[in-house]
Amino acid sequence: TENWFSADVITAFEKGLISEGSAFRPSDSITRAEVAKLSSIIAELVGYKAPESDSEAEFSDASEIPAWATEYIRSANEKGIMLGADSGNIRANDNMTRAEAATILWRLYKGGKA
């Protein structure tokens, strides 16, 4: 039986948002690292225009970032899509809140407009 999201998940897989061999787990929560991957790829697909930035963030919890997510977090941060917390942490393994998700979606929307 097909779920309401099946067609979109297939498209996301075809665009590289979901990796082959990874379990999709549609009912699970999503981590900040996973959102960094999705938002970095989406930014490239929509021609995201990043704000000018001179600095590269160094997160105090960088050792906790999964190896597969390091480049995605760097990219999302450099583009101004995903920023660290006031404490200097990125909290890559924490689940994302609705407020954080809404902020990232808004930043993608604003930057994706040519």
Protein backbone atom coordinates (compact mmCIF):
# COMPACT_ATOMS: atom_id res chain seq x y z
CA THR A 1 0.00 0.00 0.00
CA GLU A 2 1.28 3.46 -0.87
CA ASN A 3 1.58 6.16 1.77
CA TRP A 4 0.71 9.81 1.14
CA PHE A 5 4.42 10.66 1.06
CA SER A 6 5.65 7.83 -1.20
CA ALA A 7 5.95 9.82 -4.45
CA ASP A 8 7.84 12.64 -2.72
CA VAL A 9 10.19 10.21 -0.98
CA ILE A 10 10.98 8.57 -4.31
CA THR A 11 11.75 12.00 -5.81
CA ALA A 12 13.92 12.87 -2.79
CA PHE A 13 15.85 9.64 -3.33
CA GLU A 14 16.30 10.41 -7.02
CA LYS A 15 17.65 13.90 -6.16
CA GLY A 16 20.14 12.47 -3.65
CA LEU A 17 18.40 13.70 -0.50
CA ILE A 18 18.04 10.13 0.76
CA SER A 19 20.96 7.75 0.38
CA GLU A 20 20.63 4.33 -1.14
CA GLY A 21 20.87 1.63 1.47
CA SER A 22 19.76 3.89 4.30
CA ALA A 23 16.52 3.19 6.08
CA PHE A 24 14.09 6.07 5.59
CA ARG A 25 12.07 5.53 8.81
CA PRO A 26 9.30 8.07 8.06
CA SER A 27 7.88 8.05 11.59
CA ASP A 28 11.21 8.75 13.35
CA SER A 29 12.34 12.15 14.55
CA ILE A 30 15.02 13.90 12.50
CA THR A 31 18.38 15.03 13.84
CA ARG A 32 20.04 18.35 13.19
CA ALA A 33 22.78 16.49 11.27
CA GLU A 34 20.19 14.89 9.00
CA VAL A 35 18.54 18.27 8.39
CA ALA A 36 21.96 19.75 7.58
CA LYS A 37 22.36 17.14 4.85
CA LEU A 38 18.90 17.77 3.42
CA SER A 39 19.19 21.55 3.54
CA SER A 40 22.67 21.56 1.98
CA ILE A 41 21.52 19.43 -0.95
CA ILE A 42 18.30 21.43 -1.38
CA ALA A 43 20.29 24.67 -1.35
CA GLU A 44 22.35 23.40 -4.29
CA LEU A 45 19.26 22.18 -6.16
CA VAL A 46 17.43 25.52 -5.88
CA GLY A 47 20.45 27.74 -6.52
CA TYR A 48 20.55 29.11 -2.99
CA LYS A 49 22.25 32.50 -2.77
CA ALA A 50 24.32 32.51 0.40
CA PRO A 51 24.85 35.73 2.32
CA GLU A 52 28.42 37.06 2.35
CA SER A 53 30.41 35.66 5.26
CA ASP A 54 34.03 36.02 6.29
CA SER A 55 34.12 33.50 9.07
CA GLU A 56 33.96 29.76 9.38
CA ALA A 57 32.28 28.56 12.55
CA GLU A 58 34.11 26.32 14.95
CA PHE A 59 31.66 24.44 17.13
CA SER A 60 32.65 23.49 20.65
CA ASP A 61 30.94 20.13 20.16
CA ALA A 62 32.54 19.41 16.76
CA SER A 63 33.89 16.07 18.03
CA GLU A 64 30.28 14.87 18.34
CA ILE A 65 29.40 15.54 14.71
CA PRO A 66 29.04 12.24 12.80
CA ALA A 67 31.75 11.88 10.14
CA TRP A 68 29.18 11.64 7.31
CA ALA A 69 27.60 14.94 8.42
CA THR A 70 30.70 17.12 8.82
CA GLU A 71 30.69 18.54 5.30
CA TYR A 72 26.91 19.04 5.27
CA ILE A 73 27.00 20.94 8.57
CA ARG A 74 29.89 23.08 7.33
CA SER A 75 28.01 23.83 4.10
CA ALA A 76 24.70 24.64 5.84
CA ASN A 77 26.52 26.88 8.30
CA GLU A 78 28.55 28.72 5.65
CA LYS A 79 25.36 29.37 3.69
CA GLY A 80 23.69 30.80 6.79
CA ILE A 81 20.99 28.12 6.70
CA MET A 82 21.89 26.36 9.93
CA LEU A 83 23.67 28.17 12.72
CA GLY A 84 25.00 26.96 16.03
CA ALA A 85 23.39 27.65 19.38
CA ASP A 86 24.37 30.61 21.53
CA SER A 87 26.57 28.21 23.49
CA GLY A 88 28.76 27.61 20.43
CA ASN A 89 27.39 24.10 19.91
CA ILE A 90 25.77 22.74 16.77
CA ARG A 91 24.08 19.83 18.61
CA ALA A 92 24.27 17.62 15.52
CA ASN A 93 22.76 14.56 17.20
CA ASP A 94 19.84 16.38 18.82
CA ASN A 95 16.40 16.19 17.28
CA MET A 96 15.28 19.34 15.53
CA THR A 97 12.49 21.41 17.01
CA ARG A 98 9.61 22.76 14.93
CA ALA A 99 10.95 26.29 15.44
CA GLU A 100 14.37 25.28 14.11
CA ALA A 101 12.79 23.50 11.13
CA ALA A 102 10.61 26.51 10.31
CA THR A 103 13.63 28.81 10.49
CA ILE A 104 15.66 26.62 8.14
CA LEU A 105 12.79 26.30 5.67
CA TRP A 106 12.33 30.08 5.67
CA ARG A 107 16.05 30.64 5.09
CA LEU A 108 16.00 28.16 2.19
CA TYR A 109 12.95 29.89 0.73
CA LYS A 110 14.51 33.37 0.98
CA GLY A 111 17.86 32.27 -0.43
CA GLY A 112 16.38 30.17 -3.20
CA LYS A 113 14.71 33.18 -4.79
CA ALA A 114 16.90 34.57 -7.55
